[in-house]
């Protein structure tokens, strides 16, 4: 049986109750070959006390950062695992068997990414997910140029991908989309699994529906392709924005 080591990276800032939920979810996993790096952006003393009492394989670093993706980059630099996985504070594994069902394996995984489903918990409008099940399924196809097909709470990345890559801080909200689209464009492979990986909150900034988010999406797609396609990306973004705005009325 092959059991690769997983590095779980959790960016957090002043969300102790959510962090406790996330840590307990990890501790309950049947699969135990993991390390956890909690990247704290300089939270309150209460959070600091909690972090200082955690035991191996939980580690933390507490310092002011330049946002969630800067914290994630710092976590990647510290990670020693073969696979990377990112959880937000308050996000939890779907059940106690998630890691064992994916990584208790007989043969090495050849793909560069493994991605499953997430269940959303929050008030985000229904078009983001299946309205009845509140599930977002993974997609690794040309449709990536329309929307991000992977949710980072549902995705595991081979550490080697980050030997020459980092999350681009010029995209403060959608750096994960940039990374996924870049990897898709460059021909990296993704194994889609038909199971739910995590439960996560759907009320983050990237789901706010603000036009500035769509402008960032237009820019990252243009940066990864050609200025000639910018009118097309603008049209797609405008349709999504207006649809979202109408749903929220």
Protein backbone atom coordinates (compact mmCIF):
# COMPACT_ATOMS: atom_id res chain seq x y z
CA UNK A 1 0.00 0.00 0.00
CA UNK A 2 1.29 3.45 -0.97
CA UNK A 3 0.53 6.31 1.41
CA UNK A 4 1.95 9.60 0.10
CA UNK A 5 2.38 12.45 2.55
CA UNK A 6 -0.14 15.30 2.30
CA UNK A 7 0.60 18.89 3.31
CA UNK A 8 -2.57 20.71 4.35
CA UNK A 9 -2.29 24.50 4.31
CA UNK A 10 -4.78 26.70 6.19
CA UNK A 11 -4.65 30.50 5.89
CA UNK A 12 -6.42 32.19 8.81
CA UNK A 13 -6.97 35.61 10.30
CA UNK A 14 -9.13 36.12 13.40
CA UNK A 15 -11.52 33.23 12.81
CA UNK A 16 -10.83 31.03 15.82
CA UNK A 17 -14.19 29.25 15.90
CA UNK A 18 -13.86 28.36 12.22
CA UNK A 19 -10.25 27.27 12.66
CA UNK A 20 -11.18 24.92 15.51
CA UNK A 21 -13.80 23.26 13.28
CA UNK A 22 -11.25 22.80 10.52
CA UNK A 23 -8.56 21.39 12.82
CA UNK A 24 -11.00 18.91 14.38
CA UNK A 25 -12.08 17.78 10.93
CA UNK A 26 -8.46 17.04 10.03
CA UNK A 27 -7.77 15.29 13.32
CA UNK A 28 -10.72 12.98 12.67
CA UNK A 29 -9.34 11.71 9.37
CA UNK A 30 -8.59 7.98 9.31
CA UNK A 31 -5.62 8.67 7.04
CA UNK A 32 -2.80 10.05 9.18
CA UNK A 33 0.15 10.64 6.85
CA UNK A 34 -0.18 14.40 6.74
CA UNK A 35 1.25 17.61 8.10
CA UNK A 36 -0.72 20.81 8.62
CA UNK A 37 0.63 24.33 8.21
CA UNK A 38 -1.60 27.03 9.67
CA UNK A 39 -0.60 30.38 8.21
CA UNK A 40 -1.89 33.00 10.61
CA UNK A 41 -1.94 36.60 9.44
CA UNK A 42 -1.39 38.05 12.91
CA UNK A 43 -4.59 37.15 14.71
CA UNK A 44 -5.70 37.96 18.25
CA UNK A 45 -4.00 36.64 21.38
CA UNK A 46 -6.79 34.08 21.81
CA UNK A 47 -5.98 32.56 18.43
CA UNK A 48 -2.26 32.67 19.21
CA UNK A 49 -2.83 30.74 22.43
CA UNK A 50 -4.83 28.10 20.59
CA UNK A 51 -2.16 27.69 17.93
CA UNK A 52 0.65 27.41 20.48
CA UNK A 53 -1.11 24.47 22.14
CA UNK A 54 -1.46 22.39 18.97
CA UNK A 55 0.79 19.36 18.69
CA UNK A 56 2.52 17.68 15.75
CA UNK A 57 1.72 17.23 12.91
CA UNK A 58 0.14 20.70 13.28
CA UNK A 59 2.52 23.61 12.79
CA UNK A 60 1.90 27.31 12.50
CA UNK A 61 3.51 30.54 11.48
CA UNK A 62 2.11 33.86 12.66
CA UNK A 63 3.04 37.03 10.80
CA UNK A 64 1.30 39.77 8.86
CA UNK A 65 0.80 38.79 5.23
CA UNK A 66 -0.48 40.37 2.03
CA UNK A 67 -3.71 38.41 1.85
CA UNK A 68 -4.86 34.83 1.52
CA UNK A 69 -2.72 33.91 -1.49
CA UNK A 70 0.42 35.35 0.07
CA UNK A 71 -0.30 33.18 3.12
CA UNK A 72 -0.83 30.15 0.87
CA UNK A 73 2.46 30.80 -0.94
CA UNK A 74 4.25 30.95 2.41
CA UNK A 75 2.63 27.65 3.39
CA UNK A 76 3.74 26.03 0.14
CA UNK A 77 7.33 27.08 0.86
CA UNK A 78 7.20 25.28 4.22
CA UNK A 79 5.38 22.15 3.03
CA UNK A 80 7.24 18.83 2.92
CA UNK A 81 4.47 16.63 1.52
CA UNK A 82 4.16 15.10 -1.94
CA UNK A 83 0.67 16.58 -2.32
CA UNK A 84 -0.70 19.98 -1.31
CA UNK A 85 -4.22 20.71 -0.15
CA UNK A 86 -5.70 24.07 0.88
CA UNK A 87 -8.51 24.57 3.39
CA UNK A 88 -9.98 27.84 4.59
CA UNK A 89 -10.64 28.32 8.28
CA UNK A 90 -14.17 27.06 8.83
CA UNK A 91 -14.02 24.58 5.94
CA UNK A 92 -14.16 20.90 6.83
CA UNK A 93 -13.68 17.52 5.19
CA UNK A 94 -16.93 15.95 4.04
CA UNK A 95 -16.35 12.90 6.24
CA UNK A 96 -13.58 11.06 8.08
CA UNK A 97 -12.64 8.86 5.11
CA UNK A 98 -11.86 11.53 2.49
CA UNK A 99 -8.07 11.26 2.60
CA UNK A 100 -8.00 7.48 2.98
CA UNK A 101 -10.34 6.98 0.02
CA UNK A 102 -8.02 9.03 -2.19
CA UNK A 103 -4.53 8.25 -0.92
CA UNK A 104 -4.59 4.70 0.47
CA UNK A 105 -3.58 3.40 -2.94
CA UNK A 106 -1.78 0.48 -4.57
CA UNK A 107 -0.09 2.41 -7.37
CA UNK A 108 1.31 5.95 -7.66
CA UNK A 109 -1.05 8.59 -9.03
CA UNK A 110 0.16 9.76 -12.43
CA UNK A 111 -2.03 12.86 -12.72
CA UNK A 112 -0.82 16.24 -11.46
CA UNK A 113 -4.09 17.20 -9.76
CA UNK A 114 -6.90 15.28 -8.08
CA UNK A 115 -10.24 17.06 -7.85
CA UNK A 116 -13.64 16.12 -6.50
CA UNK A 117 -16.79 17.88 -5.40
CA UNK A 118 -17.54 20.42 -2.69
CA UNK A 119 -20.74 21.05 -0.80
CA UNK A 120 -21.46 24.74 -0.29
CA UNK A 121 -22.76 26.05 3.00
CA UNK A 122 -23.91 29.65 2.80
CA UNK A 123 -26.23 32.03 1.02
CA UNK A 124 -24.61 32.18 -2.42
CA UNK A 125 -27.11 32.31 -5.27
CA UNK A 126 -28.14 28.96 -6.70
CA UNK A 127 -26.55 29.33 -10.14
CA UNK A 128 -23.14 28.70 -8.60
CA UNK A 129 -24.05 25.14 -7.74
CA UNK A 130 -26.71 22.51 -8.06
CA UNK A 131 -29.62 24.31 -6.38
CA UNK A 132 -30.95 21.21 -4.64
CA UNK A 133 -27.71 19.58 -3.53
CA UNK A 134 -25.55 22.71 -3.23
CA UNK A 135 -22.74 20.76 -4.86
CA UNK A 136 -20.04 22.03 -7.18
CA UNK A 137 -18.54 19.33 -9.38
CA UNK A 138 -15.02 19.47 -10.77
CA UNK A 139 -14.40 20.13 -14.46
CA UNK A 140 -11.12 20.03 -16.39
CA UNK A 141 -12.04 20.91 -19.95
CA UNK A 142 -12.13 23.84 -22.36
CA UNK A 143 -14.92 25.20 -20.21
CA UNK A 144 -12.12 26.33 -17.88
CA UNK A 145 -11.88 29.39 -20.14
CA UNK A 146 -15.47 30.24 -19.16
CA UNK A 147 -15.27 29.60 -15.43
CA UNK A 148 -12.97 28.02 -12.86
CA UNK A 149 -13.72 24.29 -12.97
CA UNK A 150 -11.89 23.46 -9.74
CA UNK A 151 -12.61 24.61 -6.22
CA UNK A 152 -9.40 24.73 -4.19
CA UNK A 153 -11.10 22.98 -1.25
CA UNK A 154 -11.81 20.06 -3.58
CA UNK A 155 -8.37 19.87 -5.20
CA UNK A 156 -5.05 18.22 -4.37
CA UNK A 157 -1.92 19.38 -6.20
CA UNK A 158 1.38 17.60 -6.60
CA UNK A 159 3.96 19.65 -4.73
CA UNK A 160 6.30 19.57 -7.72
CA UNK A 161 3.92 21.87 -9.60
CA UNK A 162 4.91 24.65 -7.22
CA UNK A 163 8.64 24.24 -7.80
CA UNK A 164 8.33 26.96 -10.44
CA UNK A 165 4.87 28.37 -9.67
CA UNK A 166 3.29 30.55 -7.00
CA UNK A 167 -0.11 32.15 -6.61
CA UNK A 168 0.03 35.48 -8.43
CA UNK A 169 -0.73 38.27 -5.96
CA UNK A 170 -1.72 40.62 -8.80
CA UNK A 171 -5.02 38.68 -8.71
CA UNK A 172 -6.05 39.26 -5.08
CA UNK A 173 -9.36 37.37 -5.37
CA UNK A 174 -8.92 34.93 -8.26
CA UNK A 175 -5.30 33.79 -8.04
CA UNK A 176 -6.52 30.20 -7.69
CA UNK A 177 -8.39 30.56 -10.99
CA UNK A 178 -5.25 31.91 -12.64
CA UNK A 179 -3.23 28.95 -11.35
CA UNK A 180 -5.78 26.37 -12.49
CA UNK A 181 -6.22 27.94 -15.91
CA UNK A 182 -2.45 28.17 -16.37
CA UNK A 183 -2.04 24.49 -15.49
CA UNK A 184 -4.86 23.55 -17.86
CA UNK A 185 -3.37 25.64 -20.67
CA UNK A 186 0.06 24.03 -20.17
CA UNK A 187 -1.38 20.53 -20.49
CA UNK A 188 -1.14 19.30 -16.92
CA UNK A 189 -3.50 16.47 -16.08
CA UNK A 190 -6.30 16.25 -13.54
CA UNK A 191 -7.98 13.16 -12.14
CA UNK A 192 -11.67 13.85 -11.50
CA UNK A 193 -13.14 11.78 -8.68
CA UNK A 194 -16.85 11.23 -8.15
CA UNK A 195 -16.94 12.01 -4.45
CA UNK A 196 -17.36 15.01 -2.18
CA UNK A 197 -14.12 16.24 -0.63
CA UNK A 198 -15.17 19.15 1.58
CA UNK A 199 -17.90 21.37 2.93
CA UNK A 200 -17.04 25.02 2.53
CA UNK A 201 -18.55 28.44 2.94
CA UNK A 202 -19.92 30.02 -0.23
CA UNK A 203 -20.06 33.60 1.03
CA UNK A 204 -16.48 34.64 0.29
CA UNK A 205 -15.32 37.67 -1.67
CA UNK A 206 -15.03 35.73 -4.94
CA UNK A 207 -18.76 34.93 -4.72
CA UNK A 208 -19.84 38.49 -3.92
CA UNK A 209 -20.91 39.28 -7.48
CA UNK A 210 -19.09 42.62 -7.50
CA UNK A 211 -18.12 43.79 -11.00
CA UNK A 212 -14.49 44.23 -9.92
CA UNK A 213 -14.24 40.44 -9.54
CA UNK A 214 -15.34 39.97 -13.14
CA UNK A 215 -12.83 42.59 -14.25
CA UNK A 216 -10.12 40.57 -12.54
CA UNK A 217 -11.38 37.45 -14.33
CA UNK A 218 -11.24 39.22 -17.70
CA UNK A 219 -7.68 40.34 -17.03
CA UNK A 220 -6.31 36.97 -15.94
CA UNK A 221 -7.82 35.24 -18.98
CA UNK A 222 -6.39 37.91 -21.26
CA UNK A 223 -2.97 37.58 -19.62
CA UNK A 224 -3.03 33.83 -20.28
CA UNK A 225 -4.12 34.11 -23.90
CA UNK A 226 -4.22 37.18 -26.12
CA UNK A 227 -5.54 40.72 -26.08
CA UNK A 228 -7.56 39.73 -29.15
CA UNK A 229 -9.80 37.57 -26.94
CA UNK A 230 -10.52 40.30 -24.39
CA UNK A 231 -13.85 41.34 -25.99
CA UNK A 232 -15.02 37.72 -25.78
CA UNK A 233 -14.00 37.44 -22.12
CA UNK A 234 -15.71 40.76 -21.41
CA UNK A 235 -18.95 39.51 -22.98
CA UNK A 236 -18.90 36.29 -20.96
CA UNK A 237 -18.15 38.20 -17.76
CA UNK A 238 -20.93 40.70 -18.41
CA UNK A 239 -23.48 37.94 -18.97
CA UNK A 240 -22.45 36.21 -15.74
CA UNK A 241 -22.48 39.50 -13.83
CA UNK A 242 -25.96 40.51 -15.03
CA UNK A 243 -27.33 37.04 -14.39
CA UNK A 244 -25.90 37.08 -10.89
CA UNK A 245 -27.23 40.58 -10.25
CA UNK A 246 -30.72 39.55 -11.33
CA UNK A 247 -30.68 36.52 -9.04
CA UNK A 248 -29.69 38.71 -6.10
CA UNK A 249 -32.49 41.25 -6.65
